[in-house]
Amino acid sequence: MDARPKTELWIGAAIRTYAGLGVPTTVARKGAAELGSVLIKLNGLDQGCRVYVQTRRDDDRLEWTTADGPPQKEGDADARIAREVARDPDLWVLEIEDRQMRLMLPPL
């Protein structure tokens, strides 16, 4: 049995974390409630966006990573997200609007 929390519950906890900081966070797309994967769109507004996915490290731990380099235009981030959703229809997309571009999420 997988020890991960239900994705839907994890999403709620992530939203509450950012709400406590006054940072708007939106579920841009709902995926599978039980064990859907999560993609994070970190929107720095005038600074651009970063898209984060989870990867598994060599020691089998999960971490958030981005392979996009410097922040990109929002349209480019949205296009990447659309490609990911086309590959994985169970994917959740969480958008965080934070000018400081803080990623404060534990692995799922």
C-alpha atoms as a PDB file:
ATOM      1  CA  MET A   1       0.000   0.000   0.000  1.00  0.00           C
ATOM      2  CA  ASP A   2       1.249   3.474  -0.924  1.00  0.00           C
ATOM      3  CA  ALA A   3       2.005   5.631   2.148  1.00  0.00           C
ATOM      4  CA  ARG A   4       1.439   8.883   0.242  1.00  0.00           C
ATOM      5  CA  PRO A   5      -1.451  11.078   1.352  1.00  0.00           C
ATOM      6  CA  LYS A   6      -4.367  11.434  -1.033  1.00  0.00           C
ATOM      7  CA  THR A   7      -3.449  14.091  -3.569  1.00  0.00           C
ATOM      8  CA  GLU A   8      -6.673  15.975  -2.910  1.00  0.00           C
ATOM      9  CA  LEU A   9      -5.778  16.324   0.786  1.00  0.00           C
ATOM     10  CA  TRP A  10      -2.197  17.331  -0.002  1.00  0.00           C
ATOM     11  CA  ILE A  11      -3.461  20.042  -2.370  1.00  0.00           C
ATOM     12  CA  GLY A  12      -5.682  21.436   0.407  1.00  0.00           C
ATOM     13  CA  ALA A  13      -2.733  21.549   2.794  1.00  0.00           C
ATOM     14  CA  ALA A  14      -0.568  23.315   0.198  1.00  0.00           C
ATOM     15  CA  ILE A  15      -3.254  25.944  -0.370  1.00  0.00           C
ATOM     16  CA  ARG A  16      -3.539  26.551   3.378  1.00  0.00           C
ATOM     17  CA  THR A  17       0.256  26.933   3.661  1.00  0.00           C
ATOM     18  CA  TYR A  18       0.292  29.740   1.121  1.00  0.00           C
ATOM     19  CA  ALA A  19      -2.969  31.289   2.368  1.00  0.00           C
ATOM     20  CA  GLY A  20      -1.254  31.776   5.727  1.00  0.00           C
ATOM     21  CA  LEU A  21       1.267  33.974   3.913  1.00  0.00           C
ATOM     22  CA  GLY A  22      -1.389  35.878   1.974  1.00  0.00           C
ATOM     23  CA  VAL A  23      -0.228  34.275  -1.292  1.00  0.00           C
ATOM     24  CA  PRO A  24      -2.993  33.437  -3.809  1.00  0.00           C
ATOM     25  CA  THR A  25      -3.017  29.771  -4.751  1.00  0.00           C
ATOM     26  CA  THR A  26      -5.439  28.197  -7.201  1.00  0.00           C
ATOM     27  CA  VAL A  27      -6.234  24.690  -8.347  1.00  0.00           C
ATOM     28  CA  ALA A  28      -5.950  25.316 -12.079  1.00  0.00           C
ATOM     29  CA  ARG A  29      -6.804  21.686 -12.883  1.00  0.00           C
ATOM     30  CA  LYS A  30      -8.170  18.851 -10.799  1.00  0.00           C
ATOM     31  CA  GLY A  31      -6.712  15.429 -11.357  1.00  0.00           C
ATOM     32  CA  ALA A  32      -7.207  12.031  -9.766  1.00  0.00           C
ATOM     33  CA  ALA A  33      -8.258  12.522  -6.124  1.00  0.00           C
ATOM     34  CA  GLU A  34      -6.365   9.533  -4.752  1.00  0.00           C
ATOM     35  CA  LEU A  35      -2.889   9.447  -6.254  1.00  0.00           C
ATOM     36  CA  GLY A  36      -2.793  11.938  -9.131  1.00  0.00           C
ATOM     37  CA  SER A  37       0.534  13.587  -9.865  1.00  0.00           C
ATOM     38  CA  VAL A  38       0.950  17.312  -9.211  1.00  0.00           C
ATOM     39  CA  LEU A  39       2.522  19.989 -11.342  1.00  0.00           C
ATOM     40  CA  ILE A  40       3.231  23.412  -9.826  1.00  0.00           C
ATOM     41  CA  LYS A  41       3.072  26.659 -11.786  1.00  0.00           C
ATOM     42  CA  LEU A  42       4.916  29.237  -9.710  1.00  0.00           C
ATOM     43  CA  ASN A  43       3.898  32.592 -11.131  1.00  0.00           C
ATOM     44  CA  GLY A  44       6.158  35.461 -10.126  1.00  0.00           C
ATOM     45  CA  LEU A  45       3.858  37.808 -12.055  1.00  0.00           C
ATOM     46  CA  ASP A  46       6.182  40.389 -13.675  1.00  0.00           C
ATOM     47  CA  GLN A  47       9.162  38.055 -13.071  1.00  0.00           C
ATOM     48  CA  GLY A  48       7.773  35.199 -15.170  1.00  0.00           C
ATOM     49  CA  CYS A  49       6.823  31.633 -14.283  1.00  0.00           C
ATOM     50  CA  ARG A  50       8.488  28.390 -13.343  1.00  0.00           C
ATOM     51  CA  VAL A  51       6.941  24.955 -13.763  1.00  0.00           C
ATOM     52  CA  TYR A  52       7.874  22.341 -11.164  1.00  0.00           C
ATOM     53  CA  VAL A  53       7.419  18.579 -11.353  1.00  0.00           C
ATOM     54  CA  GLN A  54       8.342  15.889  -8.903  1.00  0.00           C
ATOM     55  CA  THR A  55      11.311  13.674  -9.581  1.00  0.00           C
ATOM     56  CA  ARG A  56      12.744  10.768  -7.683  1.00  0.00           C
ATOM     57  CA  ARG A  57      16.307  11.122  -6.416  1.00  0.00           C
ATOM     58  CA  ASP A  58      18.868   8.327  -6.396  1.00  0.00           C
ATOM     59  CA  ASP A  59      18.028   7.654  -2.731  1.00  0.00           C
ATOM     60  CA  ASP A  60      14.359   7.164  -3.770  1.00  0.00           C
ATOM     61  CA  ARG A  61      13.137  10.416  -2.163  1.00  0.00           C
ATOM     62  CA  LEU A  62      10.864  12.741  -4.112  1.00  0.00           C
ATOM     63  CA  GLU A  63      11.749  16.375  -4.691  1.00  0.00           C
ATOM     64  CA  TRP A  64      10.416  19.310  -6.689  1.00  0.00           C
ATOM     65  CA  THR A  65      12.521  20.200  -9.735  1.00  0.00           C
ATOM     66  CA  THR A  66      12.326  22.437 -12.771  1.00  0.00           C
ATOM     67  CA  ALA A  67      14.224  21.922 -15.984  1.00  0.00           C
ATOM     68  CA  ASP A  68      13.085  25.172 -17.528  1.00  0.00           C
ATOM     69  CA  GLY A  69      16.108  27.305 -16.619  1.00  0.00           C
ATOM     70  CA  PRO A  70      15.313  30.949 -15.867  1.00  0.00           C
ATOM     71  CA  PRO A  71      11.698  32.023 -15.357  1.00  0.00           C
ATOM     72  CA  GLN A  72       9.716  31.969 -18.590  1.00  0.00           C
ATOM     73  CA  LYS A  73       6.765  33.855 -20.033  1.00  0.00           C
ATOM     74  CA  GLU A  74       3.394  32.733 -18.725  1.00  0.00           C
ATOM     75  CA  GLY A  75       2.275  31.601 -22.187  1.00  0.00           C
ATOM     76  CA  ASP A  76       5.307  29.317 -22.460  1.00  0.00           C
ATOM     77  CA  ALA A  77       4.609  27.859 -19.012  1.00  0.00           C
ATOM     78  CA  ASP A  78       0.967  27.268 -19.958  1.00  0.00           C
ATOM     79  CA  ALA A  79       2.024  25.502 -23.177  1.00  0.00           C
ATOM     80  CA  ARG A  80       4.304  23.192 -21.193  1.00  0.00           C
ATOM     81  CA  ILE A  81       1.494  22.446 -18.762  1.00  0.00           C
ATOM     82  CA  ALA A  82      -0.868  21.642 -21.645  1.00  0.00           C
ATOM     83  CA  ARG A  83       1.665  19.130 -23.018  1.00  0.00           C
ATOM     84  CA  GLU A  84       2.012  17.487 -19.596  1.00  0.00           C
ATOM     85  CA  VAL A  85      -1.776  17.255 -19.159  1.00  0.00           C
ATOM     86  CA  ALA A  86      -2.102  15.668 -22.618  1.00  0.00           C
ATOM     87  CA  ARG A  87       0.292  12.924 -21.445  1.00  0.00           C
ATOM     88  CA  ASP A  88      -1.263  12.492 -17.995  1.00  0.00           C
ATOM     89  CA  PRO A  89      -5.013  13.194 -17.720  1.00  0.00           C
ATOM     90  CA  ASP A  90      -4.900  12.509 -13.950  1.00  0.00           C
ATOM     91  CA  LEU A  91      -2.505  15.433 -13.390  1.00  0.00           C
ATOM     92  CA  TRP A  92      -3.294  18.202 -10.908  1.00  0.00           C
ATOM     93  CA  VAL A  93      -2.067  21.740 -11.638  1.00  0.00           C
ATOM     94  CA  LEU A  94      -1.575  24.081  -8.699  1.00  0.00           C
ATOM     95  CA  GLU A  95      -0.826  27.729  -9.514  1.00  0.00           C
ATOM     96  CA  ILE A  96       0.914  29.873  -6.900  1.00  0.00           C
ATOM     97  CA  GLU A  97       1.150  33.646  -7.476  1.00  0.00           C
ATOM     98  CA  ASP A  98       4.088  34.843  -5.440  1.00  0.00           C
ATOM     99  CA  ARG A  99       6.318  37.770  -6.414  1.00  0.00           C
ATOM    100  CA  GLN A 100       9.042  36.268  -4.200  1.00  0.00           C
ATOM    101  CA  MET A 101       8.755  32.980  -6.133  1.00  0.00           C
ATOM    102  CA  ARG A 102       8.928  30.860  -2.972  1.00  0.00           C
ATOM    103  CA  LEU A 103       8.430  27.119  -3.308  1.00  0.00           C
ATOM    104  CA  MET A 104       7.566  25.833   0.137  1.00  0.00           C
ATOM    105  CA  LEU A 105       6.007  22.454  -0.586  1.00  0.00           C
ATOM    106  CA  PRO A 106       6.996  19.076   0.769  1.00  0.00           C
ATOM    107  CA  PRO A 107       7.185  16.128  -1.602  1.00  0.00           C
ATOM    108  CA  LEU A 108       3.874  14.478  -2.217  1.00  0.00           C
END
